[in-house]
Amino acid sequence: MSDLIEAGLLRFSEDIVDITDSADKQLKIEHTLEEIKVFWEGAFFEFSTWGKARDYPCILNGMCVATITERLDED
């Protein structure tokens, strides 16, 4: 502790606070980007059948689309 005081770091206290605040903001951004990346790596559209005459998926599942649309608005 005495080494820090002798180094005269108190002269730069405002700069140090600015640097640490910026580092905290950067860390928060990195965590948020990682959360976004994890979500989008697992996101996919689901298809459902439509009508009685079709036995194959041909229409987007509304709930899946709503979830992805909501996430797009958030991100």
Protein backbone atom coordinates (compact mmCIF):
# COMPACT_ATOMS: atom_id res chain seq x y z
CA MET A 1 0.00 0.00 0.00
CA SER A 2 2.81 2.38 0.84
CA ASP A 3 4.32 1.72 -2.59
CA LEU A 4 1.13 2.97 -4.23
CA ILE A 5 1.10 6.10 -2.11
CA GLU A 6 4.77 6.75 -2.79
CA ALA A 7 4.20 6.29 -6.52
CA GLY A 8 1.96 9.37 -6.48
CA LEU A 9 -1.09 7.66 -7.91
CA LEU A 10 -3.38 10.03 -6.05
CA ARG A 11 -2.49 12.66 -8.63
CA PHE A 12 -4.14 10.46 -11.24
CA SER A 13 -7.17 9.34 -9.23
CA GLU A 14 -9.70 10.86 -11.66
CA ASP A 15 -8.00 9.19 -14.62
CA ILE A 16 -7.90 5.87 -12.78
CA VAL A 17 -11.61 6.13 -11.93
CA ASP A 18 -12.41 6.92 -15.59
CA ILE A 19 -10.37 3.95 -16.80
CA THR A 20 -11.95 1.52 -14.34
CA ASP A 21 -15.45 2.79 -15.16
CA SER A 22 -14.76 2.26 -18.85
CA ALA A 23 -13.44 -1.22 -18.15
CA ASP A 24 -16.61 -2.07 -16.20
CA LYS A 25 -18.79 -0.86 -19.09
CA GLN A 26 -16.73 -2.88 -21.56
CA LEU A 27 -17.10 -6.02 -19.44
CA LYS A 28 -20.87 -5.54 -19.31
CA ILE A 29 -20.98 -5.15 -23.10
CA GLU A 30 -18.95 -8.34 -23.55
CA HIS A 31 -21.29 -10.30 -21.26
CA THR A 32 -24.34 -8.97 -23.12
CA LEU A 33 -22.83 -9.91 -26.48
CA GLU A 34 -22.12 -13.42 -25.21
CA GLU A 35 -25.75 -13.80 -24.07
CA ILE A 36 -26.96 -12.61 -27.49
CA LYS A 37 -24.60 -15.01 -29.25
CA VAL A 38 -25.79 -17.97 -27.17
CA PHE A 39 -29.44 -17.20 -27.92
CA TRP A 40 -28.97 -16.81 -31.67
CA GLU A 41 -26.83 -19.93 -32.00
CA GLY A 42 -29.78 -21.96 -30.72
CA ALA A 43 -32.58 -20.04 -32.45
CA PHE A 44 -34.49 -21.70 -35.25
CA PHE A 45 -37.82 -21.46 -37.04
CA GLU A 46 -40.36 -24.24 -36.65
CA PHE A 47 -42.73 -25.20 -39.43
CA SER A 48 -46.18 -26.75 -39.10
CA THR A 49 -48.63 -28.32 -41.48
CA TRP A 50 -51.40 -26.14 -42.81
CA GLY A 51 -54.81 -27.29 -43.78
CA LYS A 52 -56.13 -30.82 -44.08
CA ALA A 53 -54.86 -31.49 -47.58
CA ARG A 54 -51.19 -31.03 -46.74
CA ASP A 55 -49.24 -33.56 -44.73
CA TYR A 56 -45.94 -31.69 -44.88
CA PRO A 57 -44.70 -28.60 -43.00
CA CYS A 58 -45.37 -25.49 -45.06
CA ILE A 59 -46.16 -22.66 -42.61
CA LEU A 60 -44.12 -21.03 -39.87
CA ASN A 61 -45.15 -21.81 -36.32
CA GLY A 62 -46.52 -18.55 -34.93
CA MET A 63 -45.16 -18.96 -31.39
CA CYS A 64 -41.61 -19.48 -32.65
CA VAL A 65 -41.85 -16.43 -34.90
CA ALA A 66 -43.21 -14.32 -32.02
CA THR A 67 -40.34 -15.35 -29.74
CA ILE A 68 -37.71 -14.52 -32.35
CA THR A 69 -39.39 -11.23 -33.29
CA GLU A 70 -39.52 -10.22 -29.64
CA ARG A 71 -35.84 -11.03 -29.22
CA LEU A 72 -34.96 -9.01 -32.34
CA ASP A 73 -36.72 -6.01 -30.82
CA GLU A 74 -34.78 -6.45 -27.57
CA ASP A 75 -31.35 -6.94 -29.15
